[in-house]
């Protein structure tokens, strides 16, 4: 568990390095190998003083089993994602500006080109609004449930589209481990920035054609992938 604490702490600090968070915004969590525990950033702790010993360990019901600090207030959202999406080993939440602005505008993030297609197999969805009742009762858990609902209703593969925009809130991303989840958070933010610039140049810009999306996604992630070094 100590190794996982270091990984989670380092991943949270990467959010600062990549310019994805300011102040105490954002959080990273990871699932233990046995799938029984989650390690997550403590709530409201400044990144400048953060250390692995401060990471909080909970079980999948959210009960703290190790750590003296309160876990991130978004813990229950993370837990719902682990329960809903098989294969997810780490979850990231930020309030990075371009992705968050798109979530506030209630807009999906289309795949306008190959930069997006290399990592996300299609548009990154924006969820529906949470209802007042969902906000008033179990807000964080319901946020996770609404994310899962979005992927289920749209028949999307969460491992092929490892990110979402929560309406009026901001982005969540995930991956098989902390490194990949943080990388997906960074790519989501950059593609949101590029999408804004694209539509400023051409408000009528169309998403990339399916054959181009297929080529770029599957050359990195398909059965016969050939991108990078084996």
C-alpha atoms as a PDB file:
ATOM      1  CA  UNK A   1       0.000   0.000   0.000  1.00  0.00           C
ATOM      2  CA  UNK A   2       2.953   2.331   0.624  1.00  0.00           C
ATOM      3  CA  UNK A   3       3.973   2.042  -3.026  1.00  0.00           C
ATOM      4  CA  UNK A   4       0.461   2.932  -4.152  1.00  0.00           C
ATOM      5  CA  UNK A   5       0.400   5.910  -1.794  1.00  0.00           C
ATOM      6  CA  UNK A   6       3.580   7.227  -3.422  1.00  0.00           C
ATOM      7  CA  UNK A   7       2.115   6.705  -6.885  1.00  0.00           C
ATOM      8  CA  UNK A   8      -1.084   8.548  -5.982  1.00  0.00           C
ATOM      9  CA  UNK A   9       0.805  11.408  -4.352  1.00  0.00           C
ATOM     10  CA  UNK A  10       3.134  11.738  -7.358  1.00  0.00           C
ATOM     11  CA  UNK A  11       0.138  11.687  -9.720  1.00  0.00           C
ATOM     12  CA  UNK A  12      -1.559  14.489  -7.788  1.00  0.00           C
ATOM     13  CA  UNK A  13       1.613  16.549  -8.015  1.00  0.00           C
ATOM     14  CA  UNK A  14       1.724  15.901 -11.774  1.00  0.00           C
ATOM     15  CA  UNK A  15      -1.588  17.766 -12.038  1.00  0.00           C
ATOM     16  CA  UNK A  16       0.204  20.853 -10.744  1.00  0.00           C
ATOM     17  CA  UNK A  17       3.202  20.310 -13.026  1.00  0.00           C
ATOM     18  CA  UNK A  18       0.918  20.019 -16.060  1.00  0.00           C
ATOM     19  CA  UNK A  19      -1.085  23.119 -15.141  1.00  0.00           C
ATOM     20  CA  UNK A  20      -4.328  21.188 -14.675  1.00  0.00           C
ATOM     21  CA  UNK A  21      -5.047  22.404 -11.125  1.00  0.00           C
ATOM     22  CA  UNK A  22      -4.559  25.449  -8.928  1.00  0.00           C
ATOM     23  CA  UNK A  23      -5.014  25.977  -5.180  1.00  0.00           C
ATOM     24  CA  UNK A  24      -6.353  22.678  -3.763  1.00  0.00           C
ATOM     25  CA  UNK A  25      -8.565  21.824  -6.741  1.00  0.00           C
ATOM     26  CA  UNK A  26      -8.555  18.359  -8.229  1.00  0.00           C
ATOM     27  CA  UNK A  27      -7.726  14.863  -7.040  1.00  0.00           C
ATOM     28  CA  UNK A  28      -6.310  11.515  -8.110  1.00  0.00           C
ATOM     29  CA  UNK A  29      -7.164   8.105  -6.708  1.00  0.00           C
ATOM     30  CA  UNK A  30      -6.030   4.558  -7.480  1.00  0.00           C
ATOM     31  CA  UNK A  31      -7.442   1.100  -6.885  1.00  0.00           C
ATOM     32  CA  UNK A  32      -5.326  -1.521  -5.123  1.00  0.00           C
ATOM     33  CA  UNK A  33      -4.301  -4.599  -7.124  1.00  0.00           C
ATOM     34  CA  UNK A  34      -6.730  -6.794  -5.232  1.00  0.00           C
ATOM     35  CA  UNK A  35      -9.571  -4.358  -5.943  1.00  0.00           C
ATOM     36  CA  UNK A  36     -10.450  -4.003  -2.263  1.00  0.00           C
ATOM     37  CA  UNK A  37      -9.063  -0.556  -1.425  1.00  0.00           C
ATOM     38  CA  UNK A  38      -8.743   2.915  -2.883  1.00  0.00           C
ATOM     39  CA  UNK A  39      -5.959   5.412  -2.156  1.00  0.00           C
ATOM     40  CA  UNK A  40      -6.963   9.056  -2.657  1.00  0.00           C
ATOM     41  CA  UNK A  41      -5.724  12.575  -2.008  1.00  0.00           C
ATOM     42  CA  UNK A  42      -6.883  14.113   1.289  1.00  0.00           C
ATOM     43  CA  UNK A  43      -9.434  16.897   1.118  1.00  0.00           C
ATOM     44  CA  UNK A  44      -8.202  20.483   0.924  1.00  0.00           C
ATOM     45  CA  UNK A  45      -4.489  19.789   1.442  1.00  0.00           C
ATOM     46  CA  UNK A  46      -2.144  22.183  -0.345  1.00  0.00           C
ATOM     47  CA  UNK A  47      -0.114  20.573  -3.098  1.00  0.00           C
ATOM     48  CA  UNK A  48       3.045  22.337  -1.955  1.00  0.00           C
ATOM     49  CA  UNK A  49       3.083  20.393   1.305  1.00  0.00           C
ATOM     50  CA  UNK A  50       1.577  17.121   0.096  1.00  0.00           C
ATOM     51  CA  UNK A  51       3.393  13.868   0.869  1.00  0.00           C
ATOM     52  CA  UNK A  52       2.638  10.138   0.446  1.00  0.00           C
ATOM     53  CA  UNK A  53       1.971   9.677   4.166  1.00  0.00           C
ATOM     54  CA  UNK A  54      -1.046  11.989   3.869  1.00  0.00           C
ATOM     55  CA  UNK A  55      -2.809   9.827   1.275  1.00  0.00           C
ATOM     56  CA  UNK A  56      -6.002   8.244   2.607  1.00  0.00           C
ATOM     57  CA  UNK A  57      -6.922   4.576   2.168  1.00  0.00           C
ATOM     58  CA  UNK A  58     -10.590   3.563   2.084  1.00  0.00           C
ATOM     59  CA  UNK A  59     -12.527   0.423   1.285  1.00  0.00           C
ATOM     60  CA  UNK A  60     -15.009   0.376  -1.602  1.00  0.00           C
ATOM     61  CA  UNK A  61     -17.807   1.581   0.669  1.00  0.00           C
ATOM     62  CA  UNK A  62     -15.816   4.730   1.474  1.00  0.00           C
ATOM     63  CA  UNK A  63     -14.844   3.775   5.023  1.00  0.00           C
ATOM     64  CA  UNK A  64     -11.381   5.066   5.932  1.00  0.00           C
ATOM     65  CA  UNK A  65      -9.098   2.190   6.850  1.00  0.00           C
ATOM     66  CA  UNK A  66      -5.812   4.094   6.938  1.00  0.00           C
ATOM     67  CA  UNK A  67      -4.922   7.760   7.310  1.00  0.00           C
ATOM     68  CA  UNK A  68      -5.590  10.610   9.723  1.00  0.00           C
ATOM     69  CA  UNK A  69      -7.034  13.116   7.240  1.00  0.00           C
ATOM     70  CA  UNK A  70     -10.415  13.228   5.549  1.00  0.00           C
ATOM     71  CA  UNK A  71     -10.414  11.844   1.992  1.00  0.00           C
ATOM     72  CA  UNK A  72     -11.228  14.028  -0.987  1.00  0.00           C
ATOM     73  CA  UNK A  73     -14.829  15.200  -1.068  1.00  0.00           C
ATOM     74  CA  UNK A  74     -15.076  13.549  -4.500  1.00  0.00           C
ATOM     75  CA  UNK A  75     -14.292  10.086  -3.095  1.00  0.00           C
ATOM     76  CA  UNK A  76     -17.787   8.705  -3.670  1.00  0.00           C
ATOM     77  CA  UNK A  77     -17.672   9.733  -7.337  1.00  0.00           C
ATOM     78  CA  UNK A  78     -14.383   7.858  -7.743  1.00  0.00           C
ATOM     79  CA  UNK A  79     -15.824   4.793  -6.023  1.00  0.00           C
ATOM     80  CA  UNK A  80     -18.832   4.719  -8.359  1.00  0.00           C
ATOM     81  CA  UNK A  81     -16.506   4.804 -11.359  1.00  0.00           C
ATOM     82  CA  UNK A  82     -14.479   1.876 -10.036  1.00  0.00           C
ATOM     83  CA  UNK A  83     -17.674  -0.084  -9.488  1.00  0.00           C
ATOM     84  CA  UNK A  84     -19.157   0.811 -12.881  1.00  0.00           C
ATOM     85  CA  UNK A  85     -16.171   0.619 -15.238  1.00  0.00           C
ATOM     86  CA  UNK A  86     -14.223  -2.632 -15.345  1.00  0.00           C
ATOM     87  CA  UNK A  87     -10.521  -2.141 -15.993  1.00  0.00           C
ATOM     88  CA  UNK A  88     -10.222   1.294 -14.406  1.00  0.00           C
ATOM     89  CA  UNK A  89      -7.266   1.415 -12.026  1.00  0.00           C
ATOM     90  CA  UNK A  90      -7.068   5.174 -11.377  1.00  0.00           C
ATOM     91  CA  UNK A  91      -9.375   8.197 -11.585  1.00  0.00           C
ATOM     92  CA  UNK A  92      -8.537  11.892 -11.996  1.00  0.00           C
ATOM     93  CA  UNK A  93     -10.727  14.946 -11.475  1.00  0.00           C
ATOM     94  CA  UNK A  94      -9.611  18.460 -12.316  1.00  0.00           C
ATOM     95  CA  UNK A  95     -11.102  21.863 -12.987  1.00  0.00           C
ATOM     96  CA  UNK A  96      -8.790  22.513 -15.935  1.00  0.00           C
ATOM     97  CA  UNK A  97     -10.129  25.614 -17.680  1.00  0.00           C
ATOM     98  CA  UNK A  98     -10.921  24.563 -21.245  1.00  0.00           C
ATOM     99  CA  UNK A  99     -12.500  21.222 -20.359  1.00  0.00           C
ATOM    100  CA  UNK A 100     -14.404  22.810 -17.484  1.00  0.00           C
ATOM    101  CA  UNK A 101     -15.624  25.651 -19.709  1.00  0.00           C
ATOM    102  CA  UNK A 102     -16.966  23.099 -22.167  1.00  0.00           C
ATOM    103  CA  UNK A 103     -18.734  21.256 -19.331  1.00  0.00           C
ATOM    104  CA  UNK A 104     -20.236  24.561 -18.206  1.00  0.00           C
ATOM    105  CA  UNK A 105     -21.427  25.143 -21.757  1.00  0.00           C
ATOM    106  CA  UNK A 106     -23.068  21.676 -21.664  1.00  0.00           C
ATOM    107  CA  UNK A 107     -21.225  20.553 -24.802  1.00  0.00           C
ATOM    108  CA  UNK A 108     -19.771  17.229 -25.848  1.00  0.00           C
ATOM    109  CA  UNK A 109     -16.184  17.434 -27.102  1.00  0.00           C
ATOM    110  CA  UNK A 110     -16.177  16.217 -30.734  1.00  0.00           C
ATOM    111  CA  UNK A 111     -13.169  14.517 -32.277  1.00  0.00           C
ATOM    112  CA  UNK A 112     -12.059  17.241 -34.658  1.00  0.00           C
ATOM    113  CA  UNK A 113      -8.772  15.618 -35.609  1.00  0.00           C
ATOM    114  CA  UNK A 114      -6.036  13.081 -35.097  1.00  0.00           C
ATOM    115  CA  UNK A 115      -4.669  14.508 -31.838  1.00  0.00           C
ATOM    116  CA  UNK A 116      -7.970  13.632 -30.186  1.00  0.00           C
ATOM    117  CA  UNK A 117      -8.307  10.346 -32.109  1.00  0.00           C
ATOM    118  CA  UNK A 118      -4.955   9.059 -30.870  1.00  0.00           C
ATOM    119  CA  UNK A 119      -6.362   8.730 -27.334  1.00  0.00           C
ATOM    120  CA  UNK A 120     -10.180   8.961 -27.395  1.00  0.00           C
ATOM    121  CA  UNK A 121     -12.251   6.853 -29.784  1.00  0.00           C
ATOM    122  CA  UNK A 122     -14.848   9.497 -30.553  1.00  0.00           C
ATOM    123  CA  UNK A 123     -16.513  12.430 -28.877  1.00  0.00           C
ATOM    124  CA  UNK A 124     -16.032  12.897 -25.137  1.00  0.00           C
ATOM    125  CA  UNK A 125     -19.561  13.128 -23.729  1.00  0.00           C
ATOM    126  CA  UNK A 126     -21.041  15.750 -21.473  1.00  0.00           C
ATOM    127  CA  UNK A 127     -23.483  14.335 -18.927  1.00  0.00           C
ATOM    128  CA  UNK A 128     -26.996  15.517 -18.292  1.00  0.00           C
ATOM    129  CA  UNK A 129     -27.756  17.895 -15.440  1.00  0.00           C
ATOM    130  CA  UNK A 130     -28.030  16.306 -12.032  1.00  0.00           C
ATOM    131  CA  UNK A 131     -31.502  16.895 -10.645  1.00  0.00           C
ATOM    132  CA  UNK A 132     -32.021  18.943  -7.492  1.00  0.00           C
ATOM    133  CA  UNK A 133     -32.828  15.749  -5.628  1.00  0.00           C
ATOM    134  CA  UNK A 134     -29.618  14.112  -6.877  1.00  0.00           C
ATOM    135  CA  UNK A 135     -27.618  17.132  -5.711  1.00  0.00           C
ATOM    136  CA  UNK A 136     -29.368  17.345  -2.358  1.00  0.00           C
ATOM    137  CA  UNK A 137     -29.092  13.620  -1.657  1.00  0.00           C
ATOM    138  CA  UNK A 138     -25.729  11.879  -2.141  1.00  0.00           C
ATOM    139  CA  UNK A 139     -24.365  14.474  -4.576  1.00  0.00           C
ATOM    140  CA  UNK A 140     -20.930  12.931  -5.087  1.00  0.00           C
ATOM    141  CA  UNK A 141     -22.219   9.373  -5.442  1.00  0.00           C
ATOM    142  CA  UNK A 142     -24.900  10.549  -7.873  1.00  0.00           C
ATOM    143  CA  UNK A 143     -22.254  12.326  -9.935  1.00  0.00           C
ATOM    144  CA  UNK A 144     -20.561   8.963 -10.452  1.00  0.00           C
ATOM    145  CA  UNK A 145     -23.875   7.298 -11.240  1.00  0.00           C
ATOM    146  CA  UNK A 146     -24.731   9.966 -13.831  1.00  0.00           C
ATOM    147  CA  UNK A 147     -21.339   9.456 -15.491  1.00  0.00           C
ATOM    148  CA  UNK A 148     -21.971   5.707 -15.662  1.00  0.00           C
ATOM    149  CA  UNK A 149     -25.515   6.352 -16.947  1.00  0.00           C
ATOM    150  CA  UNK A 150     -24.134   8.537 -19.748  1.00  0.00           C
ATOM    151  CA  UNK A 151     -21.823   5.792 -20.999  1.00  0.00           C
ATOM    152  CA  UNK A 152     -24.498   3.123 -20.650  1.00  0.00           C
ATOM    153  CA  UNK A 153     -27.218   5.078 -22.480  1.00  0.00           C
ATOM    154  CA  UNK A 154     -24.892   6.131 -25.293  1.00  0.00           C
ATOM    155  CA  UNK A 155     -23.384   2.638 -25.527  1.00  0.00           C
ATOM    156  CA  UNK A 156     -19.836   3.984 -25.085  1.00  0.00           C
ATOM    157  CA  UNK A 157     -16.792   1.983 -24.035  1.00  0.00           C
ATOM    158  CA  UNK A 158     -15.241   3.776 -21.025  1.00  0.00           C
ATOM    159  CA  UNK A 159     -11.808   2.301 -21.763  1.00  0.00           C
ATOM    160  CA  UNK A 160     -11.902   3.608 -25.351  1.00  0.00           C
ATOM    161  CA  UNK A 161     -13.238   7.013 -24.249  1.00  0.00           C
ATOM    162  CA  UNK A 162     -11.507   7.408 -20.868  1.00  0.00           C
ATOM    163  CA  UNK A 163     -12.974  10.741 -19.914  1.00  0.00           C
ATOM    164  CA  UNK A 164     -16.176  12.700 -19.437  1.00  0.00           C
ATOM    165  CA  UNK A 165     -17.411  16.236 -18.903  1.00  0.00           C
ATOM    166  CA  UNK A 166     -19.815  16.495 -15.976  1.00  0.00           C
ATOM    167  CA  UNK A 167     -22.399  19.125 -16.835  1.00  0.00           C
ATOM    168  CA  UNK A 168     -21.759  22.439 -15.025  1.00  0.00           C
ATOM    169  CA  UNK A 169     -18.922  20.820 -13.073  1.00  0.00           C
ATOM    170  CA  UNK A 170     -15.820  19.681 -14.930  1.00  0.00           C
ATOM    171  CA  UNK A 171     -13.810  16.778 -16.333  1.00  0.00           C
ATOM    172  CA  UNK A 172     -13.123  13.339 -14.938  1.00  0.00           C
ATOM    173  CA  UNK A 173     -10.707  10.943 -16.602  1.00  0.00           C
ATOM    174  CA  UNK A 174      -9.424   7.482 -15.839  1.00  0.00           C
ATOM    175  CA  UNK A 175      -7.003   4.783 -16.934  1.00  0.00           C
ATOM    176  CA  UNK A 176      -5.424   1.478 -16.016  1.00  0.00           C
ATOM    177  CA  UNK A 177      -3.041   3.253 -13.622  1.00  0.00           C
ATOM    178  CA  UNK A 178      -2.231   6.707 -12.259  1.00  0.00           C
ATOM    179  CA  UNK A 179       0.161   7.596 -15.069  1.00  0.00           C
ATOM    180  CA  UNK A 180      -2.384   6.801 -17.767  1.00  0.00           C
ATOM    181  CA  UNK A 181      -5.265   8.520 -15.976  1.00  0.00           C
ATOM    182  CA  UNK A 182      -3.251  11.742 -15.557  1.00  0.00           C
ATOM    183  CA  UNK A 183      -2.124  11.539 -19.171  1.00  0.00           C
ATOM    184  CA  UNK A 184      -5.764  11.259 -20.256  1.00  0.00           C
ATOM    185  CA  UNK A 185      -6.663  14.294 -18.122  1.00  0.00           C
ATOM    186  CA  UNK A 186      -3.930  16.298 -19.847  1.00  0.00           C
ATOM    187  CA  UNK A 187      -5.004  15.164 -23.319  1.00  0.00           C
ATOM    188  CA  UNK A 188      -8.636  15.942 -22.551  1.00  0.00           C
ATOM    189  CA  UNK A 189      -7.712  19.484 -21.560  1.00  0.00           C
ATOM    190  CA  UNK A 190      -5.502  20.019 -24.609  1.00  0.00           C
ATOM    191  CA  UNK A 191      -8.106  18.695 -27.033  1.00  0.00           C
ATOM    192  CA  UNK A 192     -10.728  20.940 -25.418  1.00  0.00           C
ATOM    193  CA  UNK A 193      -8.402  23.904 -25.972  1.00  0.00           C
ATOM    194  CA  UNK A 194      -7.774  22.889 -29.587  1.00  0.00           C
ATOM    195  CA  UNK A 195     -11.511  22.424 -30.167  1.00  0.00           C
ATOM    196  CA  UNK A 196     -12.204  25.984 -29.066  1.00  0.00           C
ATOM    197  CA  UNK A 197      -9.508  27.336 -31.399  1.00  0.00           C
ATOM    198  CA  UNK A 198     -10.818  25.143 -34.230  1.00  0.00           C
ATOM    199  CA  UNK A 199     -14.343  26.498 -33.917  1.00  0.00           C
ATOM    200  CA  UNK A 200     -13.041  30.052 -33.663  1.00  0.00           C
ATOM    201  CA  UNK A 201     -11.347  29.558 -37.024  1.00  0.00           C
ATOM    202  CA  UNK A 202     -14.336  27.716 -38.444  1.00  0.00           C
ATOM    203  CA  UNK A 203     -17.640  27.633 -36.535  1.00  0.00           C
ATOM    204  CA  UNK A 204     -18.871  25.039 -39.034  1.00  0.00           C
ATOM    205  CA  UNK A 205     -15.953  22.660 -38.467  1.00  0.00           C
ATOM    206  CA  UNK A 206     -16.961  19.001 -38.751  1.00  0.00           C
ATOM    207  CA  UNK A 207     -15.646  16.074 -36.708  1.00  0.00           C
ATOM    208  CA  UNK A 208     -12.954  13.936 -38.307  1.00  0.00           C
ATOM    209  CA  UNK A 209     -14.314  11.207 -40.605  1.00  0.00           C
ATOM    210  CA  UNK A 210     -14.737   7.759 -39.075  1.00  0.00           C
ATOM    211  CA  UNK A 211     -12.004   6.166 -41.193  1.00  0.00           C
ATOM    212  CA  UNK A 212      -9.451   8.682 -39.921  1.00  0.00           C
ATOM    213  CA  UNK A 213     -10.601   8.181 -36.323  1.00  0.00           C
ATOM    214  CA  UNK A 214     -10.293   4.408 -36.812  1.00  0.00           C
ATOM    215  CA  UNK A 215      -6.798   4.675 -38.274  1.00  0.00           C
ATOM    216  CA  UNK A 216      -5.364   6.860 -35.536  1.00  0.00           C
ATOM    217  CA  UNK A 217      -7.042   5.180 -32.594  1.00  0.00           C
ATOM    218  CA  UNK A 218      -6.351   1.601 -33.635  1.00  0.00           C
ATOM    219  CA  UNK A 219      -2.756   2.164 -34.712  1.00  0.00           C
ATOM    220  CA  UNK A 220      -2.098   2.925 -31.026  1.00  0.00           C
ATOM    221  CA  UNK A 221      -4.704   0.772 -29.287  1.00  0.00           C
ATOM    222  CA  UNK A 222      -5.814  -1.939 -31.707  1.00  0.00           C
ATOM    223  CA  UNK A 223      -4.849  -5.608 -31.909  1.00  0.00           C
ATOM    224  CA  UNK A 224      -2.275  -4.760 -34.597  1.00  0.00           C
ATOM    225  CA  UNK A 225      -1.067  -1.477 -33.067  1.00  0.00           C
ATOM    226  CA  UNK A 226       2.273  -0.299 -34.423  1.00  0.00           C
ATOM    227  CA  UNK A 227       2.720   3.130 -32.788  1.00  0.00           C
ATOM    228  CA  UNK A 228       5.715   3.452 -30.447  1.00  0.00           C
ATOM    229  CA  UNK A 229       8.242   0.856 -29.347  1.00  0.00           C
ATOM    230  CA  UNK A 230       7.293  -2.648 -28.279  1.00  0.00           C
END
